[in-house]
Amino acid sequence: MLWHYYGLEFTEQFAQLFGNYYIGEHPTPKANNYAILYLEFSRIDTTTRESTFEGFLGNVVSGVHRFLNTYTTLSKSDKKTNT
């Protein structure tokens, strides 16, 4: 939910996602202002040490790829301050 509230890429969907709620009717100045590095660790197979490491590493790599593909228009200085 925080990803959708703060993420730059959800600006156009803000009213649809949050419009019926107090936070949508009274957004903070920081809403949809950030480049978000989203990492999802809940589906990692933790059966073994190796599967845990591979799952963690794979999720970090895919998160970074998603970040770089999503925020292609940010300048280098923006990427340093917003990540």
PDB file of N, CA and C in Angstrom:
ATOM      1  N   MET A   1       0.820  -1.178   0.000  1.00  0.00           N
ATOM      2  CA  MET A   1       0.000   0.000   0.000  1.00  0.00           C
ATOM      3  C   MET A   1       0.875   1.257   0.000  1.00  0.00           C
ATOM      4  N   LEU A   2       1.942   1.267   0.788  1.00  0.00           N
ATOM      5  CA  LEU A   2       2.827   2.423   0.823  1.00  0.00           C
ATOM      6  C   LEU A   2       3.497   2.657  -0.526  1.00  0.00           C
ATOM      7  N   TRP A   3       3.813   1.579  -1.228  1.00  0.00           N
ATOM      8  CA  TRP A   3       4.407   1.683  -2.562  1.00  0.00           C
ATOM      9  C   TRP A   3       3.472   2.469  -3.479  1.00  0.00           C
ATOM     10  N   HIS A   4       2.192   2.149  -3.447  1.00  0.00           N
ATOM     11  CA  HIS A   4       1.216   2.821  -4.296  1.00  0.00           C
ATOM     12  C   HIS A   4       0.963   4.263  -3.855  1.00  0.00           C
ATOM     13  N   TYR A   5       1.086   4.536  -2.586  1.00  0.00           N
ATOM     14  CA  TYR A   5       0.848   5.889  -2.080  1.00  0.00           C
ATOM     15  C   TYR A   5       2.013   6.824  -2.412  1.00  0.00           C
ATOM     16  N   TYR A   6       3.223   6.342  -2.225  1.00  0.00           N
ATOM     17  CA  TYR A   6       4.393   7.196  -2.411  1.00  0.00           C
ATOM     18  C   TYR A   6       5.046   7.088  -3.776  1.00  0.00           C
ATOM     19  N   GLY A   7       4.819   6.004  -4.508  1.00  0.00           N
ATOM     20  CA  GLY A   7       5.499   5.762  -5.778  1.00  0.00           C
ATOM     21  C   GLY A   7       5.091   6.703  -6.891  1.00  0.00           C
ATOM     22  N   LEU A   8       6.079   7.235  -7.574  1.00  0.00           N
ATOM     23  CA  LEU A   8       5.853   8.138  -8.698  1.00  0.00           C
ATOM     24  C   LEU A   8       4.973   7.510  -9.779  1.00  0.00           C
ATOM     25  N   GLU A   9       5.142   6.222  -9.997  1.00  0.00           N
ATOM     26  CA  GLU A   9       4.455   5.565 -11.109  1.00  0.00           C
ATOM     27  C   GLU A   9       2.950   5.380 -10.893  1.00  0.00           C
ATOM     28  N   PHE A  10       2.461   5.691  -9.706  1.00  0.00           N
ATOM     29  CA  PHE A  10       1.029   5.523  -9.434  1.00  0.00           C
ATOM     30  C   PHE A  10       0.278   6.849  -9.343  1.00  0.00           C
ATOM     31  N   THR A  11       0.896   7.940  -9.796  1.00  0.00           N
ATOM     32  CA  THR A  11       0.280   9.266  -9.719  1.00  0.00           C
ATOM     33  C   THR A  11      -1.089   9.301 -10.385  1.00  0.00           C
ATOM     34  N   GLU A  12      -1.200   8.742 -11.572  1.00  0.00           N
ATOM     35  CA  GLU A  12      -2.458   8.784 -12.327  1.00  0.00           C
ATOM     36  C   GLU A  12      -3.539   7.910 -11.699  1.00  0.00           C
ATOM     37  N   GLN A  13      -3.175   6.916 -10.914  1.00  0.00           N
ATOM     38  CA  GLN A  13      -4.152   6.024 -10.288  1.00  0.00           C
ATOM     39  C   GLN A  13      -4.470   6.408  -8.847  1.00  0.00           C
ATOM     40  N   PHE A  14      -3.886   7.508  -8.365  1.00  0.00           N
ATOM     41  CA  PHE A  14      -4.044   7.884  -6.963  1.00  0.00           C
ATOM     42  C   PHE A  14      -5.512   8.028  -6.563  1.00  0.00           C
ATOM     43  N   ALA A  15      -6.281   8.757  -7.348  1.00  0.00           N
ATOM     44  CA  ALA A  15      -7.695   8.977  -7.013  1.00  0.00           C
ATOM     45  C   ALA A  15      -8.470   7.667  -7.003  1.00  0.00           C
ATOM     46  N   GLN A  16      -8.187   6.795  -7.938  1.00  0.00           N
ATOM     47  CA  GLN A  16      -8.868   5.498  -7.996  1.00  0.00           C
ATOM     48  C   GLN A  16      -8.503   4.625  -6.792  1.00  0.00           C
ATOM     49  N   LEU A  17      -7.248   4.646  -6.396  1.00  0.00           N
ATOM     50  CA  LEU A  17      -6.792   3.797  -5.294  1.00  0.00           C
ATOM     51  C   LEU A  17      -7.163   4.339  -3.921  1.00  0.00           C
ATOM     52  N   PHE A  18      -7.080   5.651  -3.744  1.00  0.00           N
ATOM     53  CA  PHE A  18      -7.223   6.231  -2.412  1.00  0.00           C
ATOM     54  C   PHE A  18      -8.351   7.255  -2.279  1.00  0.00           C
ATOM     55  N   GLY A  19      -9.013   7.587  -3.387  1.00  0.00           N
ATOM     56  CA  GLY A  19      -9.995   8.659  -3.395  1.00  0.00           C
ATOM     57  C   GLY A  19     -11.137   8.512  -2.405  1.00  0.00           C
ATOM     58  N   ASN A  20     -11.549   7.314  -2.086  1.00  0.00           N
ATOM     59  CA  ASN A  20     -12.680   7.087  -1.173  1.00  0.00           C
ATOM     60  C   ASN A  20     -12.274   7.097   0.299  1.00  0.00           C
ATOM     61  N   TYR A  21     -11.012   7.283   0.563  1.00  0.00           N
ATOM     62  CA  TYR A  21     -10.511   7.221   1.932  1.00  0.00           C
ATOM     63  C   TYR A  21     -10.021   8.599   2.378  1.00  0.00           C
ATOM     64  N   TYR A  22      -9.901   8.771   3.655  1.00  0.00           N
ATOM     65  CA  TYR A  22      -9.435  10.048   4.212  1.00  0.00           C
ATOM     66  C   TYR A  22      -8.091  10.446   3.625  1.00  0.00           C
ATOM     67  N   ILE A  23      -7.184   9.488   3.524  1.00  0.00           N
ATOM     68  CA  ILE A  23      -5.842   9.783   3.021  1.00  0.00           C
ATOM     69  C   ILE A  23      -5.880  10.213   1.559  1.00  0.00           C
ATOM     70  N   GLY A  24      -6.867   9.753   0.804  1.00  0.00           N
ATOM     71  CA  GLY A  24      -7.025  10.183  -0.583  1.00  0.00           C
ATOM     72  C   GLY A  24      -7.629  11.566  -0.691  1.00  0.00           C
ATOM     73  N   GLU A  25      -8.505  11.895   0.230  1.00  0.00           N
ATOM     74  CA  GLU A  25      -9.133  13.219   0.239  1.00  0.00           C
ATOM     75  C   GLU A  25      -8.219  14.273   0.869  1.00  0.00           C
ATOM     76  N   HIS A  26      -7.253  13.832   1.672  1.00  0.00           N
ATOM     77  CA  HIS A  26      -6.314  14.732   2.346  1.00  0.00           C
ATOM     78  C   HIS A  26      -4.880  14.208   2.188  1.00  0.00           C
ATOM     79  N   PRO A  27      -4.387  14.125   0.952  1.00  0.00           N
ATOM     80  CA  PRO A  27      -3.053  13.552   0.753  1.00  0.00           C
ATOM     81  C   PRO A  27      -1.955  14.428   1.344  1.00  0.00           C
ATOM     82  N   THR A  28      -0.895  13.789   1.756  1.00  0.00           N
ATOM     83  CA  THR A  28       0.268  14.518   2.249  1.00  0.00           C
ATOM     84  C   THR A  28       1.026  15.095   1.050  1.00  0.00           C
ATOM     85  N   PRO A  29       1.854  16.089   1.263  1.00  0.00           N
ATOM     86  CA  PRO A  29       2.647  16.654   0.161  1.00  0.00           C
ATOM     87  C   PRO A  29       3.614  15.643  -0.454  1.00  0.00           C
ATOM     88  N   LYS A  30       3.883  14.562   0.236  1.00  0.00           N
ATOM     89  CA  LYS A  30       4.849  13.566  -0.244  1.00  0.00           C
ATOM     90  C   LYS A  30       4.207  12.453  -1.083  1.00  0.00           C
ATOM     91  N   ALA A  31       2.887  12.466  -1.232  1.00  0.00           N
ATOM     92  CA  ALA A  31       2.208  11.426  -2.015  1.00  0.00           C
ATOM     93  C   ALA A  31       2.727  11.428  -3.449  1.00  0.00           C
ATOM     94  N   ASN A  32       3.038  10.248  -3.971  1.00  0.00           N
ATOM     95  CA  ASN A  32       3.531  10.052  -5.336  1.00  0.00           C
ATOM     96  C   ASN A  32       4.750  10.909  -5.648  1.00  0.00           C
ATOM     97  N   ASN A  33       5.670  10.999  -4.706  1.00  0.00           N
ATOM     98  CA  ASN A  33       6.871  11.815  -4.881  1.00  0.00           C
ATOM     99  C   ASN A  33       8.171  11.030  -4.892  1.00  0.00           C
ATOM    100  N   TYR A  34       8.111   9.718  -4.778  1.00  0.00           N
ATOM    101  CA  TYR A  34       9.353   8.965  -4.586  1.00  0.00           C
ATOM    102  C   TYR A  34       9.530   7.840  -5.599  1.00  0.00           C
ATOM    103  N   ALA A  35      10.780   7.592  -5.926  1.00  0.00           N
ATOM    104  CA  ALA A  35      11.161   6.404  -6.669  1.00  0.00           C
ATOM    105  C   ALA A  35      11.323   5.302  -5.616  1.00  0.00           C
ATOM    106  N   ILE A  36      10.507   4.277  -5.701  1.00  0.00           N
ATOM    107  CA  ILE A  36      10.453   3.235  -4.676  1.00  0.00           C
ATOM    108  C   ILE A  36      11.162   1.961  -5.153  1.00  0.00           C
ATOM    109  N   LEU A  37      12.090   1.492  -4.353  1.00  0.00           N
ATOM    110  CA  LEU A  37      12.704   0.190  -4.593  1.00  0.00           C
ATOM    111  C   LEU A  37      11.882  -0.827  -3.818  1.00  0.00           C
ATOM    112  N   TYR A  38      11.033  -1.556  -4.535  1.00  0.00           N
ATOM    113  CA  TYR A  38      10.113  -2.509  -3.913  1.00  0.00           C
ATOM    114  C   TYR A  38      10.729  -3.894  -3.928  1.00  0.00           C
ATOM    115  N   LEU A  39      10.840  -4.501  -2.762  1.00  0.00           N
ATOM    116  CA  LEU A  39      11.391  -5.853  -2.626  1.00  0.00           C
ATOM    117  C   LEU A  39      10.337  -6.752  -1.983  1.00  0.00           C
ATOM    118  N   GLU A  40      10.173  -7.932  -2.534  1.00  0.00           N
ATOM    119  CA  GLU A  40       9.160  -8.878  -2.059  1.00  0.00           C
ATOM    120  C   GLU A  40       9.853 -10.152  -1.579  1.00  0.00           C
ATOM    121  N   PHE A  41       9.862 -10.361  -0.273  1.00  0.00           N
ATOM    122  CA  PHE A  41      10.553 -11.521   0.282  1.00  0.00           C
ATOM    123  C   PHE A  41       9.620 -12.605   0.813  1.00  0.00           C
ATOM    124  N   SER A  42       8.341 -12.414   0.742  1.00  0.00           N
ATOM    125  CA  SER A  42       7.409 -13.345   1.383  1.00  0.00           C
ATOM    126  C   SER A  42       7.334 -14.710   0.711  1.00  0.00           C
ATOM    127  N   ARG A  43       7.762 -14.826  -0.527  1.00  0.00           N
ATOM    128  CA  ARG A  43       7.636 -16.107  -1.234  1.00  0.00           C
ATOM    129  C   ARG A  43       8.950 -16.879  -1.323  1.00  0.00           C
ATOM    130  N   ILE A  44       9.934 -16.482  -0.547  1.00  0.00           N
ATOM    131  CA  ILE A  44      11.231 -17.154  -0.583  1.00  0.00           C
ATOM    132  C   ILE A  44      11.115 -18.532   0.066  1.00  0.00           C
ATOM    133  N   ASP A  45      11.671 -19.518  -0.627  1.00  0.00           N
ATOM    134  CA  ASP A  45      11.726 -20.877  -0.079  1.00  0.00           C
ATOM    135  C   ASP A  45      12.839 -20.915   0.962  1.00  0.00           C
ATOM    136  N   THR A  46      12.466 -21.045   2.215  1.00  0.00           N
ATOM    137  CA  THR A  46      13.456 -21.040   3.300  1.00  0.00           C
ATOM    138  C   THR A  46      13.756 -22.446   3.827  1.00  0.00           C
ATOM    139  N   THR A  47      13.498 -23.441   2.996  1.00  0.00           N
ATOM    140  CA  THR A  47      13.734 -24.818   3.405  1.00  0.00           C
ATOM    141  C   THR A  47      15.198 -25.074   3.725  1.00  0.00           C
ATOM    142  N   THR A  48      16.080 -24.537   2.904  1.00  0.00           N
ATOM    143  CA  THR A  48      17.521 -24.718   3.131  1.00  0.00           C
ATOM    144  C   THR A  48      18.215 -23.358   3.106  1.00  0.00           C
ATOM    145  N   ARG A  49      19.428 -23.364   3.580  1.00  0.00           N
ATOM    146  CA  ARG A  49      20.232 -22.136   3.560  1.00  0.00           C
ATOM    147  C   ARG A  49      20.445 -21.662   2.116  1.00  0.00           C
ATOM    148  N   GLU A  50      20.713 -22.607   1.219  1.00  0.00           N
ATOM    149  CA  GLU A  50      20.960 -22.276  -0.178  1.00  0.00           C
ATOM    150  C   GLU A  50      19.720 -21.705  -0.855  1.00  0.00           C
ATOM    151  N   SER A  51      18.560 -22.324  -0.624  1.00  0.00           N
ATOM    152  CA  SER A  51      17.334 -21.815  -1.251  1.00  0.00           C
ATOM    153  C   SER A  51      16.955 -20.446  -0.686  1.00  0.00           C
ATOM    154  N   THR A  52      17.241 -20.235   0.577  1.00  0.00           N
ATOM    155  CA  THR A  52      16.987 -18.922   1.179  1.00  0.00           C
ATOM    156  C   THR A  52      17.871 -17.871   0.536  1.00  0.00           C
ATOM    157  N   PHE A  53      19.148 -18.162   0.404  1.00  0.00           N
ATOM    158  CA  PHE A  53      20.082 -17.221  -0.210  1.00  0.00           C
ATOM    159  C   PHE A  53      19.709 -16.947  -1.659  1.00  0.00           C
ATOM    160  N   GLU A  54      19.424 -18.003  -2.431  1.00  0.00           N
ATOM    161  CA  GLU A  54      19.059 -17.831  -3.839  1.00  0.00           C
ATOM    162  C   GLU A  54      17.767 -17.033  -3.977  1.00  0.00           C
ATOM    163  N   GLY A  55      16.796 -17.307  -3.127  1.00  0.00           N
ATOM    164  CA  GLY A  55      15.535 -16.566  -3.168  1.00  0.00           C
ATOM    165  C   GLY A  55      15.725 -15.101  -2.824  1.00  0.00           C
ATOM    166  N   PHE A  56      16.529 -14.842  -1.795  1.00  0.00           N
ATOM    167  CA  PHE A  56      16.811 -13.464  -1.402  1.00  0.00           C
ATOM    168  C   PHE A  56      17.529 -12.728  -2.527  1.00  0.00           C
ATOM    169  N   LEU A  57      18.578 -13.322  -3.041  1.00  0.00           N
ATOM    170  CA  LEU A  57      19.358 -12.698  -4.105  1.00  0.00           C
ATOM    171  C   LEU A  57      18.496 -12.471  -5.345  1.00  0.00           C
ATOM    172  N   GLY A  58      17.710 -13.458  -5.723  1.00  0.00           N
ATOM    173  CA  GLY A  58      16.834 -13.314  -6.890  1.00  0.00           C
ATOM    174  C   GLY A  58      15.831 -12.186  -6.723  1.00  0.00           C
ATOM    175  N   ASN A  59      15.271 -12.038  -5.524  1.00  0.00           N
ATOM    176  CA  ASN A  59      14.316 -10.962  -5.273  1.00  0.00           C
ATOM    177  C   ASN A  59      14.987  -9.593  -5.302  1.00  0.00           C
ATOM    178  N   VAL A  60      16.179  -9.486  -4.776  1.00  0.00           N
ATOM    179  CA  VAL A  60      16.897  -8.212  -4.816  1.00  0.00           C
ATOM    180  C   VAL A  60      17.223  -7.844  -6.267  1.00  0.00           C
ATOM    181  N   VAL A  61      17.718  -8.782  -7.023  1.00  0.00           N
ATOM    182  CA  VAL A  61      18.061  -8.524  -8.425  1.00  0.00           C
ATOM    183  C   VAL A  61      16.822  -8.110  -9.211  1.00  0.00           C
ATOM    184  N   SER A  62      15.708  -8.818  -9.053  1.00  0.00           N
ATOM    185  CA  SER A  62      14.502  -8.456  -9.801  1.00  0.00           C
ATOM    186  C   SER A  62      13.949  -7.112  -9.335  1.00  0.00           C
ATOM    187  N   GLY A  63      14.071  -6.805  -8.045  1.00  0.00           N
ATOM    188  CA  GLY A  63      13.626  -5.507  -7.536  1.00  0.00           C
ATOM    189  C   GLY A  63      14.434  -4.363  -8.121  1.00  0.00           C
ATOM    190  N   VAL A  64      15.737  -4.550  -8.217  1.00  0.00           N
ATOM    191  CA  VAL A  64      16.605  -3.515  -8.785  1.00  0.00           C
ATOM    192  C   VAL A  64      16.313  -3.350 -10.278  1.00  0.00           C
ATOM    193  N   HIS A  65      16.125  -4.458 -10.986  1.00  0.00           N
ATOM    194  CA  HIS A  65      15.764  -4.369 -12.409  1.00  0.00           C
ATOM    195  C   HIS A  65      14.447  -3.621 -12.591  1.00  0.00           C
ATOM    196  N   ARG A  66      13.458  -3.956 -11.794  1.00  0.00           N
ATOM    197  CA  ARG A  66      12.154  -3.283 -11.875  1.00  0.00           C
ATOM    198  C   ARG A  66      12.319  -1.787 -11.601  1.00  0.00           C
ATOM    199  N   PHE A  67      13.105  -1.430 -10.592  1.00  0.00           N
ATOM    200  CA  PHE A  67      13.367  -0.034 -10.254  1.00  0.00           C
ATOM    201  C   PHE A  67      13.990   0.706 -11.434  1.00  0.00           C
ATOM    202  N   LEU A  68      15.042   0.135 -12.000  1.00  0.00           N
ATOM    203  CA  LEU A  68      15.744   0.798 -13.104  1.00  0.00           C
ATOM    204  C   LEU A  68      14.876   0.902 -14.354  1.00  0.00           C
ATOM    205  N   ASN A  69      14.042  -0.096 -14.610  1.00  0.00           N
ATOM    206  CA  ASN A  69      13.144  -0.049 -15.768  1.00  0.00           C
ATOM    207  C   ASN A  69      11.989   0.922 -15.554  1.00  0.00           C
ATOM    208  N   THR A  70      11.522   1.055 -14.329  1.00  0.00           N
ATOM    209  CA  THR A  70      10.395   1.940 -14.025  1.00  0.00           C
ATOM    210  C   THR A  70      10.816   3.399 -14.038  1.00  0.00           C
ATOM    211  N   TYR A  71      11.950   3.694 -13.474  1.00  0.00           N
ATOM    212  CA  TYR A  71      12.393   5.075 -13.305  1.00  0.00           C
ATOM    213  C   TYR A  71      13.488   5.440 -14.296  1.00  0.00           C
ATOM    214  N   THR A  72      13.233   5.203 -15.554  1.00  0.00           N
ATOM    215  CA  THR A  72      14.229   5.468 -16.596  1.00  0.00           C
ATOM    216  C   THR A  72      14.460   6.951 -16.827  1.00  0.00           C
ATOM    217  N   THR A  73      13.526   7.804 -16.436  1.00  0.00           N
ATOM    218  CA  THR A  73      13.656   9.231 -16.731  1.00  0.00           C
ATOM    219  C   THR A  73      14.290  10.029 -15.592  1.00  0.00           C
ATOM    220  N   LEU A  74      14.622   9.392 -14.480  1.00  0.00           N
ATOM    221  CA  LEU A  74      15.269  10.102 -13.387  1.00  0.00           C
ATOM    222  C   LEU A  74      16.705  10.431 -13.748  1.00  0.00           C
ATOM    223  N   SER A  75      17.157  11.597 -13.346  1.00  0.00           N
ATOM    224  CA  SER A  75      18.543  11.949 -13.578  1.00  0.00           C
ATOM    225  C   SER A  75      19.433  11.214 -12.573  1.00  0.00           C
ATOM    226  N   LYS A  76      20.712  11.211 -12.788  1.00  0.00           N
ATOM    227  CA  LYS A  76      21.622  10.536 -11.866  1.00  0.00           C
ATOM    228  C   LYS A  76      21.532  11.158 -10.476  1.00  0.00           C
ATOM    229  N   SER A  77      21.396  12.473 -10.388  1.00  0.00           N
ATOM    230  CA  SER A  77      21.314  13.096  -9.070  1.00  0.00           C
ATOM    231  C   SER A  77      20.006  12.716  -8.373  1.00  0.00           C
ATOM    232  N   ASP A  78      18.899  12.578  -9.124  1.00  0.00           N
ATOM    233  CA  ASP A  78      17.628  12.135  -8.541  1.00  0.00           C
ATOM    234  C   ASP A  78      17.753  10.716  -7.999  1.00  0.00           C
ATOM    235  N   LYS A  79      18.411   9.848  -8.756  1.00  0.00           N
ATOM    236  CA  LYS A  79      18.540   8.466  -8.324  1.00  0.00           C
ATOM    237  C   LYS A  79      19.367   8.358  -7.050  1.00  0.00           C
ATOM    238  N   LYS A  80      20.318   9.229  -6.852  1.00  0.00           N
ATOM    239  CA  LYS A  80      21.142   9.189  -5.648  1.00  0.00           C
ATOM    240  C   LYS A  80      20.345   9.670  -4.423  1.00  0.00           C
ATOM    241  N   THR A  81      19.479  10.640  -4.592  1.00  0.00           N
ATOM    242  CA  THR A  81      18.773  11.196  -3.440  1.00  0.00           C
ATOM    243  C   THR A  81      17.460  10.493  -3.147  1.00  0.00           C
ATOM    244  N   ASN A  82      16.849   9.828  -4.125  1.00  0.00           N
ATOM    245  CA  ASN A  82      15.536   9.228  -3.924  1.00  0.00           C
ATOM    246  C   ASN A  82      15.577   7.723  -3.733  1.00  0.00           C
ATOM    247  N   THR A  83      16.724   7.097  -3.696  1.00  0.00           N
ATOM    248  CA  THR A  83      16.768   5.648  -3.554  1.00  0.00           C
ATOM    249  C   THR A  83      17.085   5.245  -2.150  1.00  0.00           C
TER     250      THR A  83
END
